[in-house]
Amino acid sequence: PTPEVSASPTGATTTSPEEEELPPNWSSARDQQGRLFYIDHANHRTQWERPTREGADGSGSNSDESRRRRQLDVRYRSMRRNLRQLTPTPTPATATAATASTT
């Protein structure tokens, strides 16, 4: 895809932050809600914060906020997985029985 480019008042072009080059072994994607997240292919991890060149080798700071965000993300995925397992899938037999009992 072509990076989004806009002209500044001085006439220079700028690339949107989403389209700036990522460190090696990183890519970006959007989740189902349209939120941008980043994929670290070398360590098989994802994160919400844009990776920096300094932290791309895995030695970057592990701030409290990013740690908390990762923990919440793990909880969110676990809750979604559990909800999917608890939600019954209608079968043709139950759907037919439900319509027959209402008529």
PDB file of N, CA and C in Angstrom:
ATOM      1  N   PRO A   1       0.817  -1.193   0.000  1.00  0.00           N
ATOM      2  CA  PRO A   1       0.000   0.000   0.000  1.00  0.00           C
ATOM      3  C   PRO A   1       0.853   1.246   0.000  1.00  0.00           C
ATOM      4  N   THR A   2       0.346   2.259  -0.600  1.00  0.00           N
ATOM      5  CA  THR A   2       1.047   3.532  -0.676  1.00  0.00           C
ATOM      6  C   THR A   2       0.844   4.309   0.607  1.00  0.00           C
ATOM      7  N   PRO A   3       1.915   4.856   1.212  1.00  0.00           N
ATOM      8  CA  PRO A   3       1.763   5.630   2.447  1.00  0.00           C
ATOM      9  C   PRO A   3       0.906   6.864   2.217  1.00  0.00           C
ATOM     10  N   GLU A   4       0.127   7.218   3.251  1.00  0.00           N
ATOM     11  CA  GLU A   4      -0.656   8.438   3.170  1.00  0.00           C
ATOM     12  C   GLU A   4       0.297   9.617   3.295  1.00  0.00           C
ATOM     13  N   VAL A   5       0.185  10.554   2.381  1.00  0.00           N
ATOM     14  CA  VAL A   5       1.080  11.703   2.385  1.00  0.00           C
ATOM     15  C   VAL A   5       0.228  12.956   2.363  1.00  0.00           C
ATOM     16  N   SER A   6       0.602  13.945   3.169  1.00  0.00           N
ATOM     17  CA  SER A   6      -0.108  15.217   3.166  1.00  0.00           C
ATOM     18  C   SER A   6       0.905  16.339   3.009  1.00  0.00           C
ATOM     19  N   ALA A   7       0.448  17.431   2.472  1.00  0.00           N
ATOM     20  CA  ALA A   7       1.342  18.579   2.279  1.00  0.00           C
ATOM     21  C   ALA A   7       1.252  19.490   3.490  1.00  0.00           C
ATOM     22  N   SER A   8       2.381  19.915   3.985  1.00  0.00           N
ATOM     23  CA  SER A   8       2.394  20.851   5.105  1.00  0.00           C
ATOM     24  C   SER A   8       2.259  22.267   4.566  1.00  0.00           C
ATOM     25  N   PRO A   9       1.978  23.250   5.437  1.00  0.00           N
ATOM     26  CA  PRO A   9       1.840  24.630   4.965  1.00  0.00           C
ATOM     27  C   PRO A   9       3.085  25.133   4.243  1.00  0.00           C
ATOM     28  N   THR A  10       4.251  24.559   4.538  1.00  0.00           N
ATOM     29  CA  THR A  10       5.473  25.013   3.883  1.00  0.00           C
ATOM     30  C   THR A  10       5.652  24.342   2.524  1.00  0.00           C
ATOM     31  N   GLY A  11       4.775  23.400   2.188  1.00  0.00           N
ATOM     32  CA  GLY A  11       4.871  22.722   0.906  1.00  0.00           C
ATOM     33  C   GLY A  11       5.586  21.387   0.988  1.00  0.00           C
ATOM     34  N   ALA A  12       6.205  21.078   2.141  1.00  0.00           N
ATOM     35  CA  ALA A  12       6.889  19.800   2.296  1.00  0.00           C
ATOM     36  C   ALA A  12       5.846  18.712   2.520  1.00  0.00           C
ATOM     37  N   THR A  13       6.187  17.500   2.158  1.00  0.00           N
ATOM     38  CA  THR A  13       5.251  16.397   2.381  1.00  0.00           C
ATOM     39  C   THR A  13       5.654  15.638   3.631  1.00  0.00           C
ATOM     40  N   THR A  14       4.645  15.149   4.334  1.00  0.00           N
ATOM     41  CA  THR A  14       4.899  14.369   5.537  1.00  0.00           C
ATOM     42  C   THR A  14       4.164  13.039   5.411  1.00  0.00           C
ATOM     43  N   THR A  15       4.707  12.028   6.009  1.00  0.00           N
ATOM     44  CA  THR A  15       4.069  10.713   6.025  1.00  0.00           C
ATOM     45  C   THR A  15       3.329  10.574   7.336  1.00  0.00           C
ATOM     46  N   SER A  16       2.128  10.005   7.293  1.00  0.00           N
ATOM     47  CA  SER A  16       1.359   9.834   8.527  1.00  0.00           C
ATOM     48  C   SER A  16       2.129   8.915   9.464  1.00  0.00           C
ATOM     49  N   PRO A  17       1.971   9.089  10.787  1.00  0.00           N
ATOM     50  CA  PRO A  17       2.705   8.259  11.743  1.00  0.00           C
ATOM     51  C   PRO A  17       2.440   6.762  11.552  1.00  0.00           C
ATOM     52  N   GLU A  18       1.218   6.400  11.133  1.00  0.00           N
ATOM     53  CA  GLU A  18       0.892   4.996  10.930  1.00  0.00           C
ATOM     54  C   GLU A  18       1.696   4.373   9.798  1.00  0.00           C
ATOM     55  N   GLU A  19       2.127   5.190   8.844  1.00  0.00           N
ATOM     56  CA  GLU A  19       2.794   4.663   7.675  1.00  0.00           C
ATOM     57  C   GLU A  19       4.313   4.823   7.709  1.00  0.00           C
ATOM     58  N   GLU A  20       4.846   5.431   8.771  1.00  0.00           N
ATOM     59  CA  GLU A  20       6.296   5.557   8.871  1.00  0.00           C
ATOM     60  C   GLU A  20       6.908   4.174   8.987  1.00  0.00           C
ATOM     61  N   GLU A  21       8.129   4.039   8.560  1.00  0.00           N
ATOM     62  CA  GLU A  21       8.784   2.730   8.559  1.00  0.00           C
ATOM     63  C   GLU A  21       8.931   2.183   9.974  1.00  0.00           C
ATOM     64  N   LEU A  22       8.600   0.919  10.102  1.00  0.00           N
ATOM     65  CA  LEU A  22       8.732   0.237  11.391  1.00  0.00           C
ATOM     66  C   LEU A  22      10.106  -0.410  11.486  1.00  0.00           C
ATOM     67  N   PRO A  23      10.546  -0.729  12.704  1.00  0.00           N
ATOM     68  CA  PRO A  23      11.817  -1.439  12.853  1.00  0.00           C
ATOM     69  C   PRO A  23      11.754  -2.794  12.142  1.00  0.00           C
ATOM     70  N   PRO A  24      12.902  -3.406  11.881  1.00  0.00           N
ATOM     71  CA  PRO A  24      12.914  -4.721  11.227  1.00  0.00           C
ATOM     72  C   PRO A  24      12.115  -5.747  12.031  1.00  0.00           C
ATOM     73  N   ASN A  25      11.458  -6.660  11.344  1.00  0.00           N
ATOM     74  CA  ASN A  25      10.650  -7.738  11.919  1.00  0.00           C
ATOM     75  C   ASN A  25       9.374  -7.253  12.609  1.00  0.00           C
ATOM     76  N   TRP A  26       8.922  -6.056  12.311  1.00  0.00           N
ATOM     77  CA  TRP A  26       7.689  -5.528  12.863  1.00  0.00           C
ATOM     78  C   TRP A  26       6.717  -5.209  11.734  1.00  0.00           C
ATOM     79  N   SER A  27       5.432  -5.353  12.007  1.00  0.00           N
ATOM     80  CA  SER A  27       4.398  -4.901  11.075  1.00  0.00           C
ATOM     81  C   SER A  27       3.232  -4.371  11.902  1.00  0.00           C
ATOM     82  N   SER A  28       2.284  -3.725  11.233  1.00  0.00           N
ATOM     83  CA  SER A  28       1.118  -3.211  11.937  1.00  0.00           C
ATOM     84  C   SER A  28      -0.138  -3.796  11.307  1.00  0.00           C
ATOM     85  N   ALA A  29      -1.209  -3.823  12.078  1.00  0.00           N
ATOM     86  CA  ALA A  29      -2.498  -4.320  11.606  1.00  0.00           C
ATOM     87  C   ALA A  29      -3.578  -3.638  12.416  1.00  0.00           C
ATOM     88  N   ARG A  30      -4.813  -3.845  12.008  1.00  0.00           N
ATOM     89  CA  ARG A  30      -5.948  -3.298  12.746  1.00  0.00           C
ATOM     90  C   ARG A  30      -6.809  -4.443  13.255  1.00  0.00           C
ATOM     91  N   ASP A  31      -7.326  -4.278  14.471  1.00  0.00           N
ATOM     92  CA  ASP A  31      -8.212  -5.299  15.024  1.00  0.00           C
ATOM     93  C   ASP A  31      -9.628  -5.075  14.504  1.00  0.00           C
ATOM     94  N   GLN A  32     -10.590  -5.866  14.983  1.00  0.00           N
ATOM     95  CA  GLN A  32     -11.959  -5.784  14.496  1.00  0.00           C
ATOM     96  C   GLN A  32     -12.627  -4.457  14.815  1.00  0.00           C
ATOM     97  N   GLN A  33     -12.144  -3.759  15.827  1.00  0.00           N
ATOM     98  CA  GLN A  33     -12.690  -2.443  16.174  1.00  0.00           C
ATOM     99  C   GLN A  33     -11.957  -1.308  15.456  1.00  0.00           C
ATOM    100  N   GLY A  34     -11.002  -1.657  14.609  1.00  0.00           N
ATOM    101  CA  GLY A  34     -10.273  -0.645  13.847  1.00  0.00           C
ATOM    102  C   GLY A  34      -9.081  -0.057  14.578  1.00  0.00           C
ATOM    103  N   ARG A  35      -8.716  -0.620  15.724  1.00  0.00           N
ATOM    104  CA  ARG A  35      -7.581  -0.093  16.487  1.00  0.00           C
ATOM    105  C   ARG A  35      -6.282  -0.621  15.896  1.00  0.00           C
ATOM    106  N   LEU A  36      -5.304   0.250  15.818  1.00  0.00           N
ATOM    107  CA  LEU A  36      -4.001  -0.103  15.264  1.00  0.00           C
ATOM    108  C   LEU A  36      -3.160  -0.794  16.326  1.00  0.00           C
ATOM    109  N   PHE A  37      -2.558  -1.933  15.973  1.00  0.00           N
ATOM    110  CA  PHE A  37      -1.633  -2.600  16.880  1.00  0.00           C
ATOM    111  C   PHE A  37      -0.419  -3.057  16.091  1.00  0.00           C
ATOM    112  N   TYR A  38       0.627  -3.428  16.800  1.00  0.00           N
ATOM    113  CA  TYR A  38       1.902  -3.753  16.175  1.00  0.00           C
ATOM    114  C   TYR A  38       2.288  -5.186  16.476  1.00  0.00           C
ATOM    115  N   ILE A  39       2.883  -5.848  15.490  1.00  0.00           N
ATOM    116  CA  ILE A  39       3.241  -7.258  15.589  1.00  0.00           C
ATOM    117  C   ILE A  39       4.762  -7.395  15.546  1.00  0.00           C
ATOM    118  N   ASP A  40       5.309  -8.007  16.588  1.00  0.00           N
ATOM    119  CA  ASP A  40       6.742  -8.294  16.667  1.00  0.00           C
ATOM    120  C   ASP A  40       6.920  -9.742  16.200  1.00  0.00           C
ATOM    121  N   HIS A  41       7.316  -9.914  14.946  1.00  0.00           N
ATOM    122  CA  HIS A  41       7.433 -11.254  14.369  1.00  0.00           C
ATOM    123  C   HIS A  41       8.619 -12.032  14.955  1.00  0.00           C
ATOM    124  N   ALA A  42       9.630 -11.348  15.418  1.00  0.00           N
ATOM    125  CA  ALA A  42      10.806 -12.020  15.968  1.00  0.00           C
ATOM    126  C   ALA A  42      10.485 -12.696  17.301  1.00  0.00           C
ATOM    127  N   ASN A  43       9.670 -12.034  18.135  1.00  0.00           N
ATOM    128  CA  ASN A  43       9.347 -12.566  19.466  1.00  0.00           C
ATOM    129  C   ASN A  43       7.923 -13.101  19.564  1.00  0.00           C
ATOM    130  N   HIS A  44       7.191 -13.064  18.449  1.00  0.00           N
ATOM    131  CA  HIS A  44       5.814 -13.565  18.399  1.00  0.00           C
ATOM    132  C   HIS A  44       4.927 -12.902  19.441  1.00  0.00           C
ATOM    133  N   ARG A  45       4.958 -11.556  19.461  1.00  0.00           N
ATOM    134  CA  ARG A  45       4.151 -10.794  20.409  1.00  0.00           C
ATOM    135  C   ARG A  45       3.474  -9.646  19.686  1.00  0.00           C
ATOM    136  N   THR A  46       2.424  -9.115  20.322  1.00  0.00           N
ATOM    137  CA  THR A  46       1.760  -7.919  19.806  1.00  0.00           C
ATOM    138  C   THR A  46       1.742  -6.862  20.899  1.00  0.00           C
ATOM    139  N   GLN A  47       1.560  -5.605  20.479  1.00  0.00           N
ATOM    140  CA  GLN A  47       1.472  -4.519  21.446  1.00  0.00           C
ATOM    141  C   GLN A  47       0.723  -3.361  20.813  1.00  0.00           C
ATOM    142  N   TRP A  48       0.185  -2.504  21.665  1.00  0.00           N
ATOM    143  CA  TRP A  48      -0.561  -1.341  21.193  1.00  0.00           C
ATOM    144  C   TRP A  48       0.364  -0.172  20.869  1.00  0.00           C
ATOM    145  N   GLU A  49       1.466  -0.049  21.597  1.00  0.00           N
ATOM    146  CA  GLU A  49       2.373   1.080  21.399  1.00  0.00           C
ATOM    147  C   GLU A  49       3.248   0.852  20.183  1.00  0.00           C
ATOM    148  N   ARG A  50       3.486   1.929  19.434  1.00  0.00           N
ATOM    149  CA  ARG A  50       4.352   1.845  18.273  1.00  0.00           C
ATOM    150  C   ARG A  50       5.776   1.530  18.729  1.00  0.00           C
ATOM    151  N   PRO A  51       6.434   0.526  18.131  1.00  0.00           N
ATOM    152  CA  PRO A  51       7.801   0.199  18.539  1.00  0.00           C
ATOM    153  C   PRO A  51       8.774   1.294  18.105  1.00  0.00           C
ATOM    154  N   THR A  52       9.804   1.466  18.912  1.00  0.00           N
ATOM    155  CA  THR A  52      10.841   2.439  18.563  1.00  0.00           C
ATOM    156  C   THR A  52      12.076   1.689  18.104  1.00  0.00           C
ATOM    157  N   ARG A  53      12.915   2.342  17.400  1.00  0.00           N
ATOM    158  CA  ARG A  53      14.152   1.703  16.929  1.00  0.00           C
ATOM    159  C   ARG A  53      15.003   1.258  18.120  1.00  0.00           C
ATOM    160  N   GLU A  54      14.995   2.052  19.200  1.00  0.00           N
ATOM    161  CA  GLU A  54      15.794   1.710  20.371  1.00  0.00           C
ATOM    162  C   GLU A  54      15.272   0.437  21.026  1.00  0.00           C
ATOM    163  N   GLY A  55      13.938   0.259  21.098  1.00  0.00           N
ATOM    164  CA  GLY A  55      13.364  -0.880  21.777  1.00  0.00           C
ATOM    165  C   GLY A  55      13.104  -2.068  20.858  1.00  0.00           C
ATOM    166  N   ALA A  56      13.459  -1.973  19.603  1.00  0.00           N
ATOM    167  CA  ALA A  56      13.137  -3.021  18.644  1.00  0.00           C
ATOM    168  C   ALA A  56      13.940  -4.290  18.871  1.00  0.00           C
ATOM    169  N   ASP A  57      15.058  -4.200  19.572  1.00  0.00           N
ATOM    170  CA  ASP A  57      15.878  -5.392  19.787  1.00  0.00           C
ATOM    171  C   ASP A  57      15.457  -6.171  21.029  1.00  0.00           C
ATOM    172  N   GLY A  58      14.383  -5.722  21.674  1.00  0.00           N
ATOM    173  CA  GLY A  58      13.887  -6.436  22.853  1.00  0.00           C
ATOM    174  C   GLY A  58      14.475  -5.918  24.146  1.00  0.00           C
ATOM    175  N   SER A  59      15.413  -4.978  24.065  1.00  0.00           N
ATOM    176  CA  SER A  59      16.027  -4.462  25.278  1.00  0.00           C
ATOM    177  C   SER A  59      15.408  -3.140  25.716  1.00  0.00           C
ATOM    178  N   GLY A  60      14.304  -2.742  25.104  1.00  0.00           N
ATOM    179  CA  GLY A  60      13.661  -1.487  25.437  1.00  0.00           C
ATOM    180  C   GLY A  60      13.051  -1.519  26.817  1.00  0.00           C
ATOM    181  N   SER A  61      12.665  -0.358  27.311  1.00  0.00           N
ATOM    182  CA  SER A  61      12.096  -0.288  28.655  1.00  0.00           C
ATOM    183  C   SER A  61      10.731  -0.955  28.682  1.00  0.00           C
ATOM    184  N   ASN A  62      10.427  -1.570  29.795  1.00  0.00           N
ATOM    185  CA  ASN A  62       9.152  -2.250  29.980  1.00  0.00           C
ATOM    186  C   ASN A  62       8.356  -1.422  30.970  1.00  0.00           C
ATOM    187  N   SER A  63       7.753  -0.340  30.499  1.00  0.00           N
ATOM    188  CA  SER A  63       7.075   0.591  31.395  1.00  0.00           C
ATOM    189  C   SER A  63       5.858  -0.052  32.043  1.00  0.00           C
ATOM    190  N   ASP A  64       5.446   0.528  33.156  1.00  0.00           N
ATOM    191  CA  ASP A  64       4.274   0.024  33.877  1.00  0.00           C
ATOM    192  C   ASP A  64       3.031   0.068  32.995  1.00  0.00           C
ATOM    193  N   GLU A  65       2.894   1.135  32.222  1.00  0.00           N
ATOM    194  CA  GLU A  65       1.703   1.260  31.379  1.00  0.00           C
ATOM    195  C   GLU A  65       1.652   0.182  30.308  1.00  0.00           C
ATOM    196  N   SER A  66       2.752  -0.076  29.643  1.00  0.00           N
ATOM    197  CA  SER A  66       2.737  -1.101  28.594  1.00  0.00           C
ATOM    198  C   SER A  66       2.547  -2.494  29.198  1.00  0.00           C
ATOM    199  N   ARG A  67       3.117  -2.737  30.374  1.00  0.00           N
ATOM    200  CA  ARG A  67       2.911  -4.011  31.055  1.00  0.00           C
ATOM    201  C   ARG A  67       1.445  -4.175  31.424  1.00  0.00           C
ATOM    202  N   ARG A  68       0.842  -3.130  31.969  1.00  0.00           N
ATOM    203  CA  ARG A  68      -0.573  -3.161  32.347  1.00  0.00           C
ATOM    204  C   ARG A  68      -1.449  -3.385  31.124  1.00  0.00           C
ATOM    205  N   ARG A  69      -1.120  -2.723  30.031  1.00  0.00           N
ATOM    206  CA  ARG A  69      -1.904  -2.869  28.810  1.00  0.00           C
ATOM    207  C   ARG A  69      -1.831  -4.296  28.272  1.00  0.00           C
ATOM    208  N   ARG A  70      -0.648  -4.903  28.335  1.00  0.00           N
ATOM    209  CA  ARG A  70      -0.507  -6.295  27.890  1.00  0.00           C
ATOM    210  C   ARG A  70      -1.318  -7.235  28.768  1.00  0.00           C
ATOM    211  N   GLN A  71      -1.297  -6.985  30.086  1.00  0.00           N
ATOM    212  CA  GLN A  71      -2.077  -7.818  30.997  1.00  0.00           C
ATOM    213  C   GLN A  71      -3.567  -7.700  30.713  1.00  0.00           C
ATOM    214  N   LEU A  72      -4.033  -6.481  30.466  1.00  0.00           N
ATOM    215  CA  LEU A  72      -5.441  -6.293  30.136  1.00  0.00           C
ATOM    216  C   LEU A  72      -5.794  -6.966  28.816  1.00  0.00           C
ATOM    217  N   ASP A  73      -4.884  -6.910  27.865  1.00  0.00           N
ATOM    218  CA  ASP A  73      -5.130  -7.548  26.575  1.00  0.00           C
ATOM    219  C   ASP A  73      -5.259  -9.058  26.736  1.00  0.00           C
ATOM    220  N   VAL A  74      -4.414  -9.652  27.569  1.00  0.00           N
ATOM    221  CA  VAL A  74      -4.488 -11.099  27.819  1.00  0.00           C
ATOM    222  C   VAL A  74      -5.825 -11.437  28.479  1.00  0.00           C
ATOM    223  N   ARG A  75      -6.242 -10.627  29.451  1.00  0.00           N
ATOM    224  CA  ARG A  75      -7.525 -10.865  30.111  1.00  0.00           C
ATOM    225  C   ARG A  75      -8.683 -10.740  29.126  1.00  0.00           C
ATOM    226  N   TYR A  76      -8.621  -9.729  28.278  1.00  0.00           N
ATOM    227  CA  TYR A  76      -9.676  -9.503  27.287  1.00  0.00           C
ATOM    228  C   TYR A  76      -9.800 -10.707  26.348  1.00  0.00           C
ATOM    229  N   ARG A  77      -8.682 -11.198  25.848  1.00  0.00           N
ATOM    230  CA  ARG A  77      -8.723 -12.360  24.945  1.00  0.00           C
ATOM    231  C   ARG A  77      -9.258 -13.581  25.663  1.00  0.00           C
ATOM    232  N   SER A  78      -8.879 -13.760  26.928  1.00  0.00           N
ATOM    233  CA  SER A  78      -9.361 -14.892  27.708  1.00  0.00           C
ATOM    234  C   SER A  78     -10.868 -14.798  27.922  1.00  0.00           C
ATOM    235  N   MET A  79     -11.358 -13.617  28.250  1.00  0.00           N
ATOM    236  CA  MET A  79     -12.794 -13.434  28.453  1.00  0.00           C
ATOM    237  C   MET A  79     -13.566 -13.698  27.164  1.00  0.00           C
ATOM    238  N   ARG A  80     -13.067 -13.215  26.049  1.00  0.00           N
ATOM    239  CA  ARG A  80     -13.739 -13.456  24.763  1.00  0.00           C
ATOM    240  C   ARG A  80     -13.777 -14.940  24.447  1.00  0.00           C
ATOM    241  N   ARG A  81     -12.684 -15.624  24.695  1.00  0.00           N
ATOM    242  CA  ARG A  81     -12.615 -17.066  24.439  1.00  0.00           C
ATOM    243  C   ARG A  81     -13.629 -17.798  25.314  1.00  0.00           C
ATOM    244  N   ASN A  82     -13.703 -17.419  26.594  1.00  0.00           N
ATOM    245  CA  ASN A  82     -14.657 -18.046  27.509  1.00  0.00           C
ATOM    246  C   ASN A  82     -16.100 -17.769  27.101  1.00  0.00           C
ATOM    247  N   LEU A  83     -16.377 -16.539  26.681  1.00  0.00           N
ATOM    248  CA  LEU A  83     -17.737 -16.209  26.252  1.00  0.00           C
ATOM    249  C   LEU A  83     -18.141 -17.010  25.016  1.00  0.00           C
ATOM    250  N   ARG A  84     -17.217 -17.185  24.096  1.00  0.00           N
ATOM    251  CA  ARG A  84     -17.521 -17.982  22.904  1.00  0.00           C
ATOM    252  C   ARG A  84     -17.826 -19.420  23.268  1.00  0.00           C
ATOM    253  N   GLN A  85     -17.136 -19.943  24.258  1.00  0.00           N
ATOM    254  CA  GLN A  85     -17.374 -21.322  24.683  1.00  0.00           C
ATOM    255  C   GLN A  85     -18.705 -21.457  25.412  1.00  0.00           C
ATOM    256  N   LEU A  86     -19.145 -20.403  26.114  1.00  0.00           N
ATOM    257  CA  LEU A  86     -20.393 -20.454  26.863  1.00  0.00           C
ATOM    258  C   LEU A  86     -21.621 -20.215  25.999  1.00  0.00           C
ATOM    259  N   THR A  87     -21.468 -19.519  24.890  1.00  0.00           N
ATOM    260  CA  THR A  87     -22.596 -19.193  24.028  1.00  0.00           C
ATOM    261  C   THR A  87     -22.977 -20.420  23.215  1.00  0.00           C
ATOM    262  N   PRO A  88     -24.202 -20.927  23.405  1.00  0.00           N
ATOM    263  CA  PRO A  88     -24.601 -22.111  22.639  1.00  0.00           C
ATOM    264  C   PRO A  88     -24.830 -21.756  21.172  1.00  0.00           C
ATOM    265  N   THR A  89     -24.453 -22.646  20.318  1.00  0.00           N
ATOM    266  CA  THR A  89     -24.689 -22.462  18.886  1.00  0.00           C
ATOM    267  C   THR A  89     -26.017 -23.128  18.549  1.00  0.00           C
ATOM    268  N   PRO A  90     -26.937 -22.374  17.952  1.00  0.00           N
ATOM    269  CA  PRO A  90     -28.223 -22.978  17.624  1.00  0.00           C
ATOM    270  C   PRO A  90     -28.060 -24.069  16.572  1.00  0.00           C
ATOM    271  N   THR A  91     -28.687 -25.192  16.817  1.00  0.00           N
ATOM    272  CA  THR A  91     -28.672 -26.282  15.846  1.00  0.00           C
ATOM    273  C   THR A  91     -29.991 -26.260  15.091  1.00  0.00           C
ATOM    274  N   PRO A  92     -30.054 -26.845  13.927  1.00  0.00           N
ATOM    275  CA  PRO A  92     -31.320 -26.847  13.176  1.00  0.00           C
ATOM    276  C   PRO A  92     -32.461 -27.449  13.986  1.00  0.00           C
ATOM    277  N   ALA A  93     -32.217 -28.474  14.800  1.00  0.00           N
ATOM    278  CA  ALA A  93     -33.265 -29.114  15.586  1.00  0.00           C
ATOM    279  C   ALA A  93     -33.833 -28.151  16.625  1.00  0.00           C
ATOM    280  N   THR A  94     -32.964 -27.393  17.312  1.00  0.00           N
ATOM    281  CA  THR A  94     -33.451 -26.459  18.334  1.00  0.00           C
ATOM    282  C   THR A  94     -34.152 -25.274  17.690  1.00  0.00           C
ATOM    283  N   ALA A  95     -33.689 -24.838  16.542  1.00  0.00           N
ATOM    284  CA  ALA A  95     -34.329 -23.726  15.851  1.00  0.00           C
ATOM    285  C   ALA A  95     -35.718 -24.138  15.370  1.00  0.00           C
ATOM    286  N   THR A  96     -35.869 -25.356  14.872  1.00  0.00           N
ATOM    287  CA  THR A  96     -37.167 -25.856  14.417  1.00  0.00           C
ATOM    288  C   THR A  96     -38.114 -26.028  15.596  1.00  0.00           C
ATOM    289  N   ALA A  97     -37.620 -26.548  16.718  1.00  0.00           N
ATOM    290  CA  ALA A  97     -38.445 -26.738  17.903  1.00  0.00           C
ATOM    291  C   ALA A  97     -38.918 -25.390  18.452  1.00  0.00           C
ATOM    292  N   ALA A  98     -38.085 -24.388  18.399  1.00  0.00           N
ATOM    293  CA  ALA A  98     -38.444 -23.068  18.916  1.00  0.00           C
ATOM    294  C   ALA A  98     -39.538 -22.446  18.065  1.00  0.00           C
ATOM    295  N   THR A  99     -39.466 -22.591  16.765  1.00  0.00           N
ATOM    296  CA  THR A  99     -40.490 -21.999  15.903  1.00  0.00           C
ATOM    297  C   THR A  99     -41.777 -22.800  15.994  1.00  0.00           C
ATOM    298  N   ALA A 100     -41.703 -24.106  16.185  1.00  0.00           N
ATOM    299  CA  ALA A 100     -42.901 -24.944  16.284  1.00  0.00           C
ATOM    300  C   ALA A 100     -43.649 -24.656  17.579  1.00  0.00           C
ATOM    301  N   SER A 101     -42.941 -24.348  18.655  1.00  0.00           N
ATOM    302  CA  SER A 101     -43.611 -24.100  19.927  1.00  0.00           C
ATOM    303  C   SER A 101     -44.281 -22.734  19.964  1.00  0.00           C
ATOM    304  N   THR A 102     -43.873 -21.805  19.122  1.00  0.00           N
ATOM    305  CA  THR A 102     -44.458 -20.473  19.100  1.00  0.00           C
ATOM    306  C   THR A 102     -45.659 -20.404  18.179  1.00  0.00           C
ATOM    307  N   THR A 103     -45.897 -21.390  17.371  1.00  0.00           N
ATOM    308  CA  THR A 103     -47.035 -21.352  16.440  1.00  0.00           C
ATOM    309  C   THR A 103     -48.179 -22.194  16.918  1.00  0.00           C
TER     310      THR A 103
END
